[in-house]
Amino acid sequence: DGRFTISRDNAKNTVYLQMNSLKPEDTGIYYCAATPSSIM
């Protein structure tokens, strides 16, 4: 919290994860996942 920002561009059918001030403990394999959901 405060370092990463999630966003999406539905027109591009793409989701982003902006990661700033990275730390060694952020190391890993990053996955995105989807689940059907109410829009709101």
Full PDB file with SEQRES, HELIX, SHEET, SSBOND, CRYST1, ORIGX, SCALE, CONECT and MASTER records, all heavy atoms in Angstrom:
SEQRES   1 A   40  ASP GLY ARG PHE THR ILE SER ARG ASP ASN ALA LYS ASN          
SEQRES   2 A   40  THR VAL TYR LEU GLN MET ASN SER LEU LYS PRO GLU ASP          
SEQRES   3 A   40  THR GLY ILE TYR TYR CYS ALA ALA THR PRO SER SER ILE          
SEQRES   4 A   40  MET                                                          
HELIX    1 AA1 PRO A   24  ASP A   26  5                                   3    
SHEET    1 AA1 2 PHE A   4  ASP A   9  0                                        
SHEET    2 AA1 2 THR A  14  MET A  19 -1                                        
CRYST1    1.000    1.000    1.000  90.00  90.00  90.00 P 1           1          
ORIGX1      1.000000  0.000000  0.000000        0.00000                         
ORIGX2      0.000000  1.000000  0.000000        0.00000                         
ORIGX3      0.000000  0.000000  1.000000        0.00000                         
SCALE1      1.000000  0.000000  0.000000        0.00000                         
SCALE2      0.000000  1.000000  0.000000        0.00000                         
SCALE3      0.000000  0.000000  1.000000        0.00000                         
ATOM      1  N   ASP A   1       0.836  -1.193   0.000  1.00  0.00           N  
ATOM      2  CA  ASP A   1       0.000   0.000   0.000  1.00  0.00           C  
ATOM      3  C   ASP A   1       0.876   1.251   0.000  1.00  0.00           C  
ATOM      4  O   ASP A   1       1.783   1.389   0.818  1.00  0.00           O  
ATOM      5  CB  ASP A   1      -0.926  -0.011   1.212  1.00  0.00           C  
ATOM      6  CG  ASP A   1      -2.108   0.922   1.058  1.00  0.00           C  
ATOM      7  OD1 ASP A   1      -2.329   1.448  -0.043  1.00  0.00           O  
ATOM      8  OD2 ASP A   1      -2.830   1.124   2.058  1.00  0.00           O  
ATOM      9  N   GLY A   2       0.581   2.157  -0.910  1.00  0.00           N  
ATOM     10  CA  GLY A   2       1.369   3.368  -1.055  1.00  0.00           C  
ATOM     11  C   GLY A   2       2.498   3.260  -2.052  1.00  0.00           C  
ATOM     12  O   GLY A   2       3.051   4.294  -2.458  1.00  0.00           O  
ATOM     13  N   ARG A   3       2.859   2.045  -2.431  1.00  0.00           N  
ATOM     14  CA  ARG A   3       3.932   1.845  -3.404  1.00  0.00           C  
ATOM     15  C   ARG A   3       3.416   1.298  -4.735  1.00  0.00           C  
ATOM     16  O   ARG A   3       3.973   1.612  -5.790  1.00  0.00           O  
ATOM     17  CB  ARG A   3       4.986   0.883  -2.858  1.00  0.00           C  
ATOM     18  CG  ARG A   3       5.675   1.377  -1.593  1.00  0.00           C  
ATOM     19  CD  ARG A   3       6.839   0.475  -1.201  1.00  0.00           C  
ATOM     20  NE  ARG A   3       6.384  -0.890  -0.891  1.00  0.00           N  
ATOM     21  CZ  ARG A   3       6.782  -1.975  -1.551  1.00  0.00           C  
ATOM     22  NH1 ARG A   3       7.636  -1.879  -2.559  1.00  0.00           N  
ATOM     23  NH2 ARG A   3       6.325  -3.171  -1.193  1.00  0.00           N  
ATOM     24  N   PHE A   4       2.379   0.476  -4.688  1.00  0.00           N  
ATOM     25  CA  PHE A   4       1.820  -0.148  -5.888  1.00  0.00           C  
ATOM     26  C   PHE A   4       0.484   0.501  -6.218  1.00  0.00           C  
ATOM     27  O   PHE A   4      -0.266   0.915  -5.325  1.00  0.00           O  
ATOM     28  CB  PHE A   4       1.592  -1.645  -5.672  1.00  0.00           C  
ATOM     29  CG  PHE A   4       2.839  -2.482  -5.572  1.00  0.00           C  
ATOM     30  CD1 PHE A   4       4.090  -1.916  -5.437  1.00  0.00           C  
ATOM     31  CD2 PHE A   4       2.735  -3.866  -5.613  1.00  0.00           C  
ATOM     32  CE1 PHE A   4       5.234  -2.697  -5.335  1.00  0.00           C  
ATOM     33  CE2 PHE A   4       3.865  -4.659  -5.519  1.00  0.00           C  
ATOM     34  CZ  PHE A   4       5.113  -4.075  -5.378  1.00  0.00           C  
ATOM     35  N   THR A   5       0.169   0.544  -7.506  1.00  0.00           N  
ATOM     36  CA  THR A   5      -1.110   1.064  -7.974  1.00  0.00           C  
ATOM     37  C   THR A   5      -1.671   0.137  -9.034  1.00  0.00           C  
ATOM     38  O   THR A   5      -1.010  -0.134 -10.037  1.00  0.00           O  
ATOM     39  CB  THR A   5      -0.971   2.479  -8.551  1.00  0.00           C  
ATOM     40  OG1 THR A   5      -0.415   3.357  -7.572  1.00  0.00           O  
ATOM     41  CG2 THR A   5      -2.341   3.011  -8.976  1.00  0.00           C  
ATOM     42  N   ILE A   6      -2.888  -0.331  -8.814  1.00  0.00           N  
ATOM     43  CA  ILE A   6      -3.568  -1.164  -9.794  1.00  0.00           C  
ATOM     44  C   ILE A   6      -4.516  -0.288 -10.605  1.00  0.00           C  
ATOM     45  O   ILE A   6      -5.137   0.632 -10.067  1.00  0.00           O  
ATOM     46  CB  ILE A   6      -4.318  -2.326  -9.109  1.00  0.00           C  
ATOM     47  CG1 ILE A   6      -4.836  -3.334 -10.139  1.00  0.00           C  
ATOM     48  CG2 ILE A   6      -5.450  -1.817  -8.230  1.00  0.00           C  
ATOM     49  CD1 ILE A   6      -5.384  -4.610  -9.511  1.00  0.00           C  
ATOM     50  N   SER A   7      -4.611  -0.553 -11.888  1.00  0.00           N  
ATOM     51  CA  SER A   7      -5.505   0.196 -12.752  1.00  0.00           C  
ATOM     52  C   SER A   7      -5.937  -0.691 -13.911  1.00  0.00           C  
ATOM     53  O   SER A   7      -5.381  -1.780 -14.115  1.00  0.00           O  
ATOM     54  CB  SER A   7      -4.831   1.476 -13.276  1.00  0.00           C  
ATOM     55  OG  SER A   7      -3.698   1.167 -14.063  1.00  0.00           O  
ATOM     56  N   ARG A   8      -6.920  -0.235 -14.657  1.00  0.00           N  
ATOM     57  CA  ARG A   8      -7.369  -1.018 -15.799  1.00  0.00           C  
ATOM     58  C   ARG A   8      -7.833  -0.100 -16.911  1.00  0.00           C  
ATOM     59  O   ARG A   8      -8.273   1.038 -16.674  1.00  0.00           O  
ATOM     60  CB  ARG A   8      -8.478  -1.999 -15.403  1.00  0.00           C  
ATOM     61  CG  ARG A   8      -9.783  -1.366 -14.968  1.00  0.00           C  
ATOM     62  CD  ARG A   8     -10.706  -2.404 -14.330  1.00  0.00           C  
ATOM     63  NE  ARG A   8     -11.070  -3.453 -15.279  1.00  0.00           N  
ATOM     64  CZ  ARG A   8     -11.543  -4.647 -14.930  1.00  0.00           C  
ATOM     65  NH1 ARG A   8     -11.685  -4.957 -13.636  1.00  0.00           N  
ATOM     66  NH2 ARG A   8     -11.858  -5.539 -15.859  1.00  0.00           N  
ATOM     67  N   ASP A   9      -7.726  -0.603 -18.117  1.00  0.00           N  
ATOM     68  CA  ASP A   9      -8.216   0.077 -19.304  1.00  0.00           C  
ATOM     69  C   ASP A   9      -9.090  -0.930 -20.030  1.00  0.00           C  
ATOM     70  O   ASP A   9      -8.596  -1.770 -20.783  1.00  0.00           O  
ATOM     71  CB  ASP A   9      -7.064   0.550 -20.181  1.00  0.00           C  
ATOM     72  CG  ASP A   9      -7.525   1.384 -21.359  1.00  0.00           C  
ATOM     73  OD1 ASP A   9      -8.721   1.337 -21.710  1.00  0.00           O  
ATOM     74  OD2 ASP A   9      -6.679   2.094 -21.937  1.00  0.00           O  
ATOM     75  N   ASN A  10     -10.383  -0.860 -19.775  1.00  0.00           N  
ATOM     76  CA  ASN A  10     -11.284  -1.858 -20.344  1.00  0.00           C  
ATOM     77  C   ASN A  10     -11.343  -1.783 -21.865  1.00  0.00           C  
ATOM     78  O   ASN A  10     -11.600  -2.789 -22.526  1.00  0.00           O  
ATOM     79  CB  ASN A  10     -12.681  -1.715 -19.740  1.00  0.00           C  
ATOM     80  CG  ASN A  10     -12.777  -2.294 -18.343  1.00  0.00           C  
ATOM     81  OD1 ASN A  10     -11.825  -2.888 -17.835  1.00  0.00           O  
ATOM     82  ND2 ASN A  10     -13.926  -2.117 -17.705  1.00  0.00           N  
ATOM     83  N   ALA A  11     -11.101  -0.597 -22.430  1.00  0.00           N  
ATOM     84  CA  ALA A  11     -11.069  -0.475 -23.882  1.00  0.00           C  
ATOM     85  C   ALA A  11      -9.940  -1.297 -24.484  1.00  0.00           C  
ATOM     86  O   ALA A  11     -10.043  -1.760 -25.624  1.00  0.00           O  
ATOM     87  CB  ALA A  11     -10.943   0.986 -24.291  1.00  0.00           C  
ATOM     88  N   LYS A  12      -8.844  -1.458 -23.745  1.00  0.00           N  
ATOM     89  CA  LYS A  12      -7.717  -2.265 -24.182  1.00  0.00           C  
ATOM     90  C   LYS A  12      -7.753  -3.673 -23.613  1.00  0.00           C  
ATOM     91  O   LYS A  12      -6.861  -4.477 -23.889  1.00  0.00           O  
ATOM     92  CB  LYS A  12      -6.397  -1.595 -23.795  1.00  0.00           C  
ATOM     93  CG  LYS A  12      -6.149  -0.261 -24.463  1.00  0.00           C  
ATOM     94  CD  LYS A  12      -4.791   0.294 -24.077  1.00  0.00           C  
ATOM     95  CE  LYS A  12      -4.531   1.627 -24.748  1.00  0.00           C  
ATOM     96  NZ  LYS A  12      -4.420   1.471 -26.228  1.00  0.00           N  
ATOM     97  N   ASN A  13      -8.760  -3.960 -22.792  1.00  0.00           N  
ATOM     98  CA  ASN A  13      -8.893  -5.276 -22.172  1.00  0.00           C  
ATOM     99  C   ASN A  13      -7.627  -5.641 -21.393  1.00  0.00           C  
ATOM    100  O   ASN A  13      -7.153  -6.780 -21.440  1.00  0.00           O  
ATOM    101  CB  ASN A  13      -9.197  -6.345 -23.227  1.00  0.00           C  
ATOM    102  CG  ASN A  13     -10.306  -7.294 -22.801  1.00  0.00           C  
ATOM    103  OD1 ASN A  13     -11.119  -6.987 -21.933  1.00  0.00           O  
ATOM    104  ND2 ASN A  13     -10.344  -8.468 -23.415  1.00  0.00           N  
ATOM    105  N   THR A  14      -7.100  -4.667 -20.653  1.00  0.00           N  
ATOM    106  CA  THR A  14      -5.826  -4.824 -19.975  1.00  0.00           C  
ATOM    107  C   THR A  14      -5.894  -4.235 -18.571  1.00  0.00           C  
ATOM    108  O   THR A  14      -6.529  -3.198 -18.354  1.00  0.00           O  
ATOM    109  CB  THR A  14      -4.697  -4.143 -20.767  1.00  0.00           C  
ATOM    110  OG1 THR A  14      -4.621  -4.721 -22.073  1.00  0.00           O  
ATOM    111  CG2 THR A  14      -3.356  -4.328 -20.074  1.00  0.00           C  
ATOM    112  N   VAL A  15      -5.224  -4.893 -17.636  1.00  0.00           N  
ATOM    113  CA  VAL A  15      -5.069  -4.425 -16.266  1.00  0.00           C  
ATOM    114  C   VAL A  15      -3.587  -4.241 -15.997  1.00  0.00           C  
ATOM    115  O   VAL A  15      -2.752  -5.008 -16.499  1.00  0.00           O  
ATOM    116  CB  VAL A  15      -5.696  -5.417 -15.269  1.00  0.00           C  
ATOM    117  CG1 VAL A  15      -5.458  -4.966 -13.836  1.00  0.00           C  
ATOM    118  CG2 VAL A  15      -7.187  -5.555 -15.534  1.00  0.00           C  
ATOM    119  N   TYR A  16      -3.252  -3.236 -15.207  1.00  0.00           N  
ATOM    120  CA  TYR A  16      -1.868  -2.893 -14.936  1.00  0.00           C  
ATOM    121  C   TYR A  16      -1.584  -2.927 -13.440  1.00  0.00           C  
ATOM    122  O   TYR A  16      -2.476  -2.735 -12.612  1.00  0.00           O  
ATOM    123  CB  TYR A  16      -1.539  -1.497 -15.455  1.00  0.00           C  
ATOM    124  CG  TYR A  16      -1.844  -1.300 -16.916  1.00  0.00           C  
ATOM    125  CD1 TYR A  16      -3.047  -0.741 -17.318  1.00  0.00           C  
ATOM    126  CD2 TYR A  16      -0.933  -1.683 -17.892  1.00  0.00           C  
ATOM    127  CE1 TYR A  16      -3.339  -0.560 -18.657  1.00  0.00           C  
ATOM    128  CE2 TYR A  16      -1.217  -1.507 -19.235  1.00  0.00           C  
ATOM    129  CZ  TYR A  16      -2.415  -0.945 -19.614  1.00  0.00           C  
ATOM    130  OH  TYR A  16      -2.702  -0.773 -20.942  1.00  0.00           O  
ATOM    131  N   LEU A  17      -0.326  -3.148 -13.117  1.00  0.00           N  
ATOM    132  CA  LEU A  17       0.153  -2.994 -11.755  1.00  0.00           C  
ATOM    133  C   LEU A  17       1.430  -2.164 -11.803  1.00  0.00           C  
ATOM    134  O   LEU A  17       2.476  -2.648 -12.238  1.00  0.00           O  
ATOM    135  CB  LEU A  17       0.425  -4.345 -11.089  1.00  0.00           C  
ATOM    136  CG  LEU A  17       0.827  -4.276  -9.609  1.00  0.00           C  
ATOM    137  CD1 LEU A  17      -0.337  -3.771  -8.762  1.00  0.00           C  
ATOM    138  CD2 LEU A  17       1.307  -5.632  -9.101  1.00  0.00           C  
ATOM    139  N   GLN A  18       1.320  -0.910 -11.382  1.00  0.00           N  
ATOM    140  CA  GLN A  18       2.470  -0.027 -11.296  1.00  0.00           C  
ATOM    141  C   GLN A  18       3.157  -0.252  -9.963  1.00  0.00           C  
ATOM    142  O   GLN A  18       2.533  -0.113  -8.910  1.00  0.00           O  
ATOM    143  CB  GLN A  18       2.025   1.434 -11.425  1.00  0.00           C  
ATOM    144  CG  GLN A  18       3.156   2.447 -11.319  1.00  0.00           C  
ATOM    145  CD  GLN A  18       4.060   2.439 -12.516  1.00  0.00           C  
ATOM    146  OE1 GLN A  18       3.595   2.308 -13.642  1.00  0.00           O  
ATOM    147  NE2 GLN A  18       5.359   2.572 -12.286  1.00  0.00           N  
ATOM    148  N   MET A  19       4.431  -0.590  -9.998  1.00  0.00           N  
ATOM    149  CA  MET A  19       5.183  -0.930  -8.799  1.00  0.00           C  
ATOM    150  C   MET A  19       6.340   0.050  -8.656  1.00  0.00           C  
ATOM    151  O   MET A  19       7.262   0.058  -9.477  1.00  0.00           O  
ATOM    152  CB  MET A  19       5.693  -2.371  -8.859  1.00  0.00           C  
ATOM    153  CG  MET A  19       4.591  -3.397  -9.117  1.00  0.00           C  
ATOM    154  SD  MET A  19       5.170  -5.111  -8.949  1.00  0.00           S  
ATOM    155  CE  MET A  19       6.365  -5.159 -10.291  1.00  0.00           C  
ATOM    156  N   ASN A  20       6.290   0.860  -7.615  1.00  0.00           N  
ATOM    157  CA  ASN A  20       7.323   1.842  -7.326  1.00  0.00           C  
ATOM    158  C   ASN A  20       8.052   1.473  -6.040  1.00  0.00           C  
ATOM    159  O   ASN A  20       7.551   0.705  -5.222  1.00  0.00           O  
ATOM    160  CB  ASN A  20       6.714   3.237  -7.183  1.00  0.00           C  
ATOM    161  CG  ASN A  20       6.023   3.725  -8.428  1.00  0.00           C  
ATOM    162  OD1 ASN A  20       6.406   3.378  -9.544  1.00  0.00           O  
ATOM    163  ND2 ASN A  20       4.996   4.551  -8.248  1.00  0.00           N  
ATOM    164  N   SER A  21       9.229   2.042  -5.865  1.00  0.00           N  
ATOM    165  CA  SER A  21      10.018   1.841  -4.650  1.00  0.00           C  
ATOM    166  C   SER A  21      10.149   0.368  -4.308  1.00  0.00           C  
ATOM    167  O   SER A  21       9.924  -0.062  -3.174  1.00  0.00           O  
ATOM    168  CB  SER A  21       9.391   2.611  -3.482  1.00  0.00           C  
ATOM    169  OG  SER A  21       9.299   3.996  -3.772  1.00  0.00           O  
ATOM    170  N   LEU A  22      10.536  -0.405  -5.280  1.00  0.00           N  
ATOM    171  CA  LEU A  22      10.582  -1.856  -5.111  1.00  0.00           C  
ATOM    172  C   LEU A  22      11.623  -2.268  -4.081  1.00  0.00           C  
ATOM    173  O   LEU A  22      12.693  -1.655  -3.967  1.00  0.00           O  
ATOM    174  CB  LEU A  22      10.862  -2.529  -6.445  1.00  0.00           C  
ATOM    175  CG  LEU A  22       9.650  -2.577  -7.381  1.00  0.00           C  
ATOM    176  CD1 LEU A  22      10.081  -2.858  -8.813  1.00  0.00           C  
ATOM    177  CD2 LEU A  22       8.664  -3.640  -6.904  1.00  0.00           C  
ATOM    178  N   LYS A  23      11.291  -3.311  -3.346  1.00  0.00           N  
ATOM    179  CA  LYS A  23      12.134  -3.863  -2.298  1.00  0.00           C  
ATOM    180  C   LYS A  23      12.492  -5.304  -2.635  1.00  0.00           C  
ATOM    181  O   LYS A  23      11.766  -5.972  -3.366  1.00  0.00           O  
ATOM    182  CB  LYS A  23      11.407  -3.820  -0.950  1.00  0.00           C  
ATOM    183  CG  LYS A  23      10.900  -2.458  -0.529  1.00  0.00           C  
ATOM    184  CD  LYS A  23      10.088  -2.563   0.748  1.00  0.00           C  
ATOM    185  CE  LYS A  23       9.567  -1.214   1.190  1.00  0.00           C  
ATOM    186  NZ  LYS A  23       8.757  -1.314   2.426  1.00  0.00           N  
ATOM    187  N   PRO A  24      13.593  -5.806  -2.079  1.00  0.00           N  
ATOM    188  CA  PRO A  24      13.932  -7.208  -2.340  1.00  0.00           C  
ATOM    189  C   PRO A  24      12.806  -8.171  -1.983  1.00  0.00           C  
ATOM    190  O   PRO A  24      12.632  -9.190  -2.671  1.00  0.00           O  
ATOM    191  CB  PRO A  24      15.169  -7.434  -1.459  1.00  0.00           C  
ATOM    192  CG  PRO A  24      15.814  -6.088  -1.394  1.00  0.00           C  
ATOM    193  CD  PRO A  24      14.662  -5.110  -1.343  1.00  0.00           C  
ATOM    194  N   GLU A  25      12.036  -7.876  -0.949  1.00  0.00           N  
ATOM    195  CA  GLU A  25      10.945  -8.754  -0.563  1.00  0.00           C  
ATOM    196  C   GLU A  25       9.780  -8.745  -1.542  1.00  0.00           C  
ATOM    197  O   GLU A  25       8.838  -9.534  -1.399  1.00  0.00           O  
ATOM    198  CB  GLU A  25      10.445  -8.427   0.856  1.00  0.00           C  
ATOM    199  CG  GLU A  25      10.099  -6.965   1.060  1.00  0.00           C  
ATOM    200  CD  GLU A  25      11.222  -6.186   1.717  1.00  0.00           C  
ATOM    201  OE1 GLU A  25      12.389  -6.376   1.332  1.00  0.00           O  
ATOM    202  OE2 GLU A  25      10.930  -5.380   2.632  1.00  0.00           O  
ATOM    203  N   ASP A  26       9.807  -7.857  -2.539  1.00  0.00           N  
ATOM    204  CA  ASP A  26       8.814  -7.881  -3.604  1.00  0.00           C  
ATOM    205  C   ASP A  26       9.134  -8.929  -4.666  1.00  0.00           C  
ATOM    206  O   ASP A  26       8.324  -9.147  -5.572  1.00  0.00           O  
ATOM    207  CB  ASP A  26       8.712  -6.516  -4.280  1.00  0.00           C  
ATOM    208  CG  ASP A  26       8.187  -5.439  -3.352  1.00  0.00           C  
ATOM    209  OD1 ASP A  26       7.246  -5.716  -2.580  1.00  0.00           O  
ATOM    210  OD2 ASP A  26       8.713  -4.311  -3.410  1.00  0.00           O  
ATOM    211  N   THR A  27      10.280  -9.554  -4.570  1.00  0.00           N  
ATOM    212  CA  THR A  27      10.690 -10.555  -5.545  1.00  0.00           C  
ATOM    213  C   THR A  27       9.721 -11.734  -5.565  1.00  0.00           C  
ATOM    214  O   THR A  27       9.282 -12.214  -4.514  1.00  0.00           O  
ATOM    215  CB  THR A  27      12.102 -11.050  -5.235  1.00  0.00           C  
ATOM    216  OG1 THR A  27      13.036  -9.980  -5.438  1.00  0.00           O  
ATOM    217  CG2 THR A  27      12.494 -12.215  -6.130  1.00  0.00           C  
ATOM    218  N   GLY A  28       9.380 -12.202  -6.743  1.00  0.00           N  
ATOM    219  CA  GLY A  28       8.519 -13.353  -6.879  1.00  0.00           C  
ATOM    220  C   GLY A  28       7.927 -13.434  -8.266  1.00  0.00           C  
ATOM    221  O   GLY A  28       8.178 -12.588  -9.122  1.00  0.00           O  
ATOM    222  N   ILE A  29       7.139 -14.456  -8.476  1.00  0.00           N  
ATOM    223  CA  ILE A  29       6.378 -14.587  -9.706  1.00  0.00           C  
ATOM    224  C   ILE A  29       5.031 -13.908  -9.494  1.00  0.00           C  
ATOM    225  O   ILE A  29       4.318 -14.219  -8.536  1.00  0.00           O  
ATOM    226  CB  ILE A  29       6.180 -16.053 -10.106  1.00  0.00           C  
ATOM    227  CG1 ILE A  29       7.533 -16.748 -10.267  1.00  0.00           C  
ATOM    228  CG2 ILE A  29       5.383 -16.151 -11.401  1.00  0.00           C  
ATOM    229  CD1 ILE A  29       7.424 -18.238 -10.532  1.00  0.00           C  
ATOM    230  N   TYR A  30       4.692 -12.999 -10.376  1.00  0.00           N  
ATOM    231  CA  TYR A  30       3.456 -12.237 -10.272  1.00  0.00           C  
ATOM    232  C   TYR A  30       2.431 -12.774 -11.261  1.00  0.00           C  
ATOM    233  O   TYR A  30       2.717 -12.949 -12.449  1.00  0.00           O  
ATOM    234  CB  TYR A  30       3.714 -10.755 -10.534  1.00  0.00           C  
ATOM    235  CG  TYR A  30       4.325 -10.040  -9.349  1.00  0.00           C  
ATOM    236  CD1 TYR A  30       5.623 -10.320  -8.947  1.00  0.00           C  
ATOM    237  CD2 TYR A  30       3.593  -9.099  -8.629  1.00  0.00           C  
ATOM    238  CE1 TYR A  30       6.179  -9.684  -7.850  1.00  0.00           C  
ATOM    239  CE2 TYR A  30       4.146  -8.458  -7.537  1.00  0.00           C  
ATOM    240  CZ  TYR A  30       5.443  -8.754  -7.147  1.00  0.00           C  
ATOM    241  OH  TYR A  30       5.990  -8.111  -6.063  1.00  0.00           O  
ATOM    242  N   TYR A  31       1.242 -13.023 -10.748  1.00  0.00           N  
ATOM    243  CA  TYR A  31       0.145 -13.557 -11.535  1.00  0.00           C  
ATOM    244  C   TYR A  31      -1.038 -12.596 -11.502  1.00  0.00           C  
ATOM    245  O   TYR A  31      -1.305 -11.974 -10.476  1.00  0.00           O  
ATOM    246  CB  TYR A  31      -0.346 -14.895 -10.972  1.00  0.00           C  
ATOM    247  CG  TYR A  31       0.698 -15.977 -10.863  1.00  0.00           C  
ATOM    248  CD1 TYR A  31       1.507 -16.076  -9.741  1.00  0.00           C  
ATOM    249  CD2 TYR A  31       0.849 -16.914 -11.877  1.00  0.00           C  
ATOM    250  CE1 TYR A  31       2.458 -17.081  -9.633  1.00  0.00           C  
ATOM    251  CE2 TYR A  31       1.788 -17.925 -11.777  1.00  0.00           C  
ATOM    252  CZ  TYR A  31       2.591 -17.999 -10.651  1.00  0.00           C  
ATOM    253  OH  TYR A  31       3.522 -19.006 -10.552  1.00  0.00           O  
ATOM    254  N   CYS A  32      -1.755 -12.500 -12.603  1.00  0.00           N  
ATOM    255  CA  CYS A  32      -3.060 -11.864 -12.569  1.00  0.00           C  
ATOM    256  C   CYS A  32      -4.128 -12.932 -12.685  1.00  0.00           C  
ATOM    257  O   CYS A  32      -3.906 -14.013 -13.242  1.00  0.00           O  
ATOM    258  CB  CYS A  32      -3.222 -10.797 -13.657  1.00  0.00           C  
ATOM    259  SG  CYS A  32      -3.158 -11.383 -15.356  1.00  0.00           S  
ATOM    260  N   ALA A  33      -5.282 -12.639 -12.133  1.00  0.00           N  
ATOM    261  CA  ALA A  33      -6.383 -13.584 -12.113  1.00  0.00           C  
ATOM    262  C   ALA A  33      -7.696 -12.826 -12.233  1.00  0.00           C  
ATOM    263  O   ALA A  33      -7.794 -11.666 -11.830  1.00  0.00           O  
ATOM    264  CB  ALA A  33      -6.361 -14.412 -10.821  1.00  0.00           C  
ATOM    265  N   ALA A  34      -8.692 -13.494 -12.781  1.00  0.00           N  
ATOM    266  CA  ALA A  34      -9.994 -12.890 -13.014  1.00  0.00           C  
ATOM    267  C   ALA A  34     -11.090 -13.716 -12.373  1.00  0.00           C  
ATOM    268  O   ALA A  34     -11.003 -14.945 -12.313  1.00  0.00           O  
ATOM    269  CB  ALA A  34     -10.262 -12.756 -14.513  1.00  0.00           C  
ATOM    270  N   THR A  35     -12.112 -13.030 -11.906  1.00  0.00           N  
ATOM    271  CA  THR A  35     -13.301 -13.684 -11.387  1.00  0.00           C  
ATOM    272  C   THR A  35     -14.532 -12.904 -11.825  1.00  0.00           C  
ATOM    273  O   THR A  35     -14.534 -11.671 -11.765  1.00  0.00           O  
ATOM    274  CB  THR A  35     -13.252 -13.809  -9.853  1.00  0.00           C  
ATOM    275  OG1 THR A  35     -14.385 -14.548  -9.394  1.00  0.00           O  
ATOM    276  CG2 THR A  35     -13.243 -12.445  -9.172  1.00  0.00           C  
ATOM    277  N   PRO A  36     -15.581 -13.581 -12.294  1.00  0.00           N  
ATOM    278  CA  PRO A  36     -16.802 -12.858 -12.644  1.00  0.00           C  
ATOM    279  C   PRO A  36     -17.312 -12.081 -11.443  1.00  0.00           C  
ATOM    280  O   PRO A  36     -17.304 -12.579 -10.312  1.00  0.00           O  
ATOM    281  CB  PRO A  36     -17.775 -13.972 -13.048  1.00  0.00           C  
ATOM    282  CG  PRO A  36     -16.898 -15.102 -13.474  1.00  0.00           C  
ATOM    283  CD  PRO A  36     -15.708 -15.032 -12.561  1.00  0.00           C  
ATOM    284  N   SER A  37     -17.757 -10.877 -11.695  1.00  0.00           N  
ATOM    285  CA  SER A  37     -18.121 -10.008 -10.590  1.00  0.00           C  
ATOM    286  C   SER A  37     -19.136  -8.977 -11.036  1.00  0.00           C  
ATOM    287  O   SER A  37     -19.168  -8.578 -12.200  1.00  0.00           O  
ATOM    288  CB  SER A  37     -16.873  -9.311 -10.037  1.00  0.00           C  
ATOM    289  OG  SER A  37     -17.194  -8.378  -9.031  1.00  0.00           O  
ATOM    290  N   SER A  38     -19.946  -8.541 -10.082  1.00  0.00           N  
ATOM    291  CA  SER A  38     -20.781  -7.372 -10.308  1.00  0.00           C  
ATOM    292  C   SER A  38     -19.894  -6.196 -10.697  1.00  0.00           C  
ATOM    293  O   SER A  38     -18.799  -6.021 -10.159  1.00  0.00           O  
ATOM    294  CB  SER A  38     -21.582  -7.046  -9.047  1.00  0.00           C  
ATOM    295  OG  SER A  38     -22.203  -5.790  -9.146  1.00  0.00           O  
ATOM    296  N   ILE A  39     -20.369  -5.394 -11.624  1.00  0.00           N  
ATOM    297  CA  ILE A  39     -19.572  -4.271 -12.112  1.00  0.00           C  
ATOM    298  C   ILE A  39     -19.181  -3.335 -10.982  1.00  0.00           C  
ATOM    299  O   ILE A  39     -18.055  -2.814 -10.955  1.00  0.00           O  
ATOM    300  CB  ILE A  39     -20.347  -3.506 -13.201  1.00  0.00           C  
ATOM    301  CG1 ILE A  39     -20.532  -4.385 -14.428  1.00  0.00           C  
ATOM    302  CG2 ILE A  39     -19.623  -2.217 -13.569  1.00  0.00           C  
ATOM    303  CD1 ILE A  39     -21.378  -3.743 -15.507  1.00  0.00           C  
ATOM    304  N   MET A  40     -20.075  -3.161 -10.033  1.00  0.00           N  
ATOM    305  CA  MET A  40     -19.854  -2.188  -8.965  1.00  0.00           C  
ATOM    306  C   MET A  40     -19.478  -2.838  -7.636  1.00  0.00           C  
ATOM    307  O   MET A  40     -19.588  -2.205  -6.589  1.00  0.00           O  
ATOM    308  CB  MET A  40     -21.099  -1.324  -8.787  1.00  0.00           C  
ATOM    309  CG  MET A  40     -21.482  -0.543 -10.030  1.00  0.00           C  
ATOM    310  SD  MET A  40     -22.964   0.466  -9.812  1.00  0.00           S  
ATOM    311  CE  MET A  40     -22.388   1.678  -8.637  1.00  0.00           C  
TER     312      MET A  40                                                      
MASTER        0    0    0    1    2    0    0    6  311    1    0    4          
END                                                                             
